Amino acid sequence: MPERELKRDLAILPISVVRELTGLSDRQIRYYDQQGLVTPERGAGKQRRFSLNDIDRLLEIADDLDSGLSVADIRELDAKHARQEKENQEADLRKIFADELIRIGRFDDNRRY
């Protein structure tokens, strides 16, 4: 029997449910959205629809703020994380490309890829 996974990225939860699950106020949730710290999808009438991943993110933001970080600090950490993720993806692609060149016999150690 295949193992089932929860669709954590499915944006179906309205702000009222998110408020109950996180203990955050509507105002806090909207503020984090306005600040770009969380980006819920929009449903009919432009209502925010949150995923379980969004809820995890909101809880992380609340914990970060409780530990003394500012919104600007969190944004900076997010940007740093995004840059690192991009660098990792680029390194992975370079490795795949070099491995494929080796496989087909066209790799030259003196060239930059």
Protein backbone atom coordinates (compact mmCIF):
# COMPACT_ATOMS: atom_id res chain seq x y z
CA MET A 1 0.00 0.00 0.00
CA PRO A 2 1.49 3.38 -0.97
CA GLU A 3 2.25 5.77 1.83
CA ARG A 4 0.00 8.83 1.85
CA GLU A 5 1.35 12.29 2.39
CA LEU A 6 -0.41 15.34 3.64
CA LYS A 7 -0.63 18.09 1.01
CA ARG A 8 1.09 20.72 3.13
CA ASP A 9 1.19 23.24 0.29
CA LEU A 10 -2.54 23.15 -0.45
CA ALA A 11 -3.90 26.62 0.38
CA ILE A 12 -7.38 26.00 1.76
CA LEU A 13 -7.47 27.47 5.26
CA PRO A 14 -9.13 30.85 5.88
CA ILE A 15 -7.62 33.36 8.28
CA SER A 16 -10.16 32.44 10.99
CA VAL A 17 -8.83 28.87 11.12
CA VAL A 18 -5.23 30.07 11.01
CA ARG A 19 -5.96 32.38 13.94
CA GLU A 20 -7.29 29.43 15.96
CA LEU A 21 -4.38 27.15 15.03
CA THR A 22 -1.60 29.65 15.68
CA GLY A 23 -2.95 31.87 18.44
CA LEU A 24 -2.03 34.91 16.34
CA SER A 25 -4.47 37.73 15.78
CA ASP A 26 -5.92 38.58 12.37
CA ARG A 27 -3.94 41.82 12.52
CA GLN A 28 -0.65 39.99 13.13
CA ILE A 29 -1.32 37.54 10.30
CA ARG A 30 -2.20 40.35 7.88
CA TYR A 31 0.86 42.34 8.97
CA TYR A 32 3.20 39.42 8.29
CA ASP A 33 1.58 39.09 4.87
CA GLN A 34 1.95 42.82 4.17
CA GLN A 35 5.60 42.63 5.18
CA GLY A 36 6.19 39.77 2.75
CA LEU A 37 7.14 37.28 5.46
CA VAL A 38 4.37 34.91 4.41
CA THR A 39 2.56 34.85 1.07
CA PRO A 40 -0.78 33.07 1.26
CA GLU A 41 -2.71 32.43 -1.92
CA ARG A 42 -5.86 34.40 -2.62
CA GLY A 43 -9.27 32.88 -3.15
CA ALA A 44 -12.54 34.33 -4.37
CA GLY A 45 -12.92 37.93 -3.31
CA LYS A 46 -9.15 38.07 -2.69
CA GLN A 47 -9.52 36.29 0.65
CA ARG A 48 -6.31 34.86 2.01
CA ARG A 49 -6.07 31.08 1.86
CA PHE A 50 -3.31 29.49 3.90
CA SER A 51 -1.55 26.15 3.60
CA LEU A 52 -0.08 24.08 6.41
CA ASN A 53 3.33 25.31 5.24
CA ASP A 54 2.09 28.89 5.71
CA ILE A 55 1.01 28.02 9.25
CA ASP A 56 4.45 26.57 10.01
CA ARG A 57 5.98 29.76 8.64
CA LEU A 58 3.72 31.97 10.75
CA LEU A 59 4.74 30.05 13.86
CA GLU A 60 8.42 30.45 12.92
CA ILE A 61 7.93 34.20 12.48
CA ALA A 62 6.20 34.48 15.86
CA ASP A 63 9.01 32.50 17.53
CA ASP A 64 11.66 34.68 15.85
CA LEU A 65 9.92 37.86 17.00
CA ASP A 66 9.53 36.45 20.53
CA SER A 67 13.27 35.70 20.60
CA GLY A 68 14.07 39.34 19.88
CA LEU A 69 14.47 39.45 16.11
CA SER A 70 12.85 42.31 14.23
CA VAL A 71 10.84 42.05 11.03
CA ALA A 72 13.86 43.50 9.22
CA ASP A 73 16.09 40.80 10.76
CA ILE A 74 13.70 38.09 9.60
CA ARG A 75 13.59 39.56 6.09
CA GLU A 76 17.40 39.64 6.04
CA LEU A 77 17.59 36.01 7.16
CA ASP A 78 15.04 35.04 4.51
CA ALA A 79 17.08 36.81 1.81
CA LYS A 80 20.27 35.13 3.01
CA HIS A 81 18.55 31.75 2.97
CA ALA A 82 17.20 32.37 -0.55
CA ARG A 83 20.69 33.33 -1.80
CA GLN A 84 22.19 30.22 -0.23
CA GLU A 85 19.46 28.04 -1.73
CA LYS A 86 20.10 29.54 -5.17
CA GLU A 87 23.86 28.98 -4.83
CA ASN A 88 23.24 25.37 -3.79
CA GLN A 89 20.94 24.79 -6.76
CA GLU A 90 23.49 26.31 -9.15
CA ALA A 91 26.27 24.14 -7.67
CA ASP A 92 24.07 21.06 -8.05
CA LEU A 93 23.39 21.93 -11.70
CA ARG A 94 27.10 22.48 -12.39
CA LYS A 95 27.86 19.06 -10.88
CA ILE A 96 25.14 17.39 -12.96
CA PHE A 97 26.45 19.11 -16.08
CA ALA A 98 30.06 18.11 -15.39
CA ASP A 99 29.02 14.52 -14.61
CA GLU A 100 27.11 14.36 -17.90
CA LEU A 101 30.10 15.74 -19.81
CA ILE A 102 32.31 13.11 -18.21
CA ARG A 103 29.77 10.44 -19.12
CA ILE A 104 29.76 11.41 -22.78
CA GLY A 105 33.53 11.93 -22.84
CA ARG A 106 33.61 15.68 -23.44
CA PHE A 107 34.86 16.97 -20.12
CA ASP A 108 37.89 19.26 -20.20
CA ASP A 109 39.33 20.05 -16.75
CA ASN A 110 40.72 23.35 -18.05
CA ARG A 111 37.33 24.81 -19.01
CA ARG A 112 34.90 26.55 -16.71
CA TYR A 113 31.28 25.48 -16.88
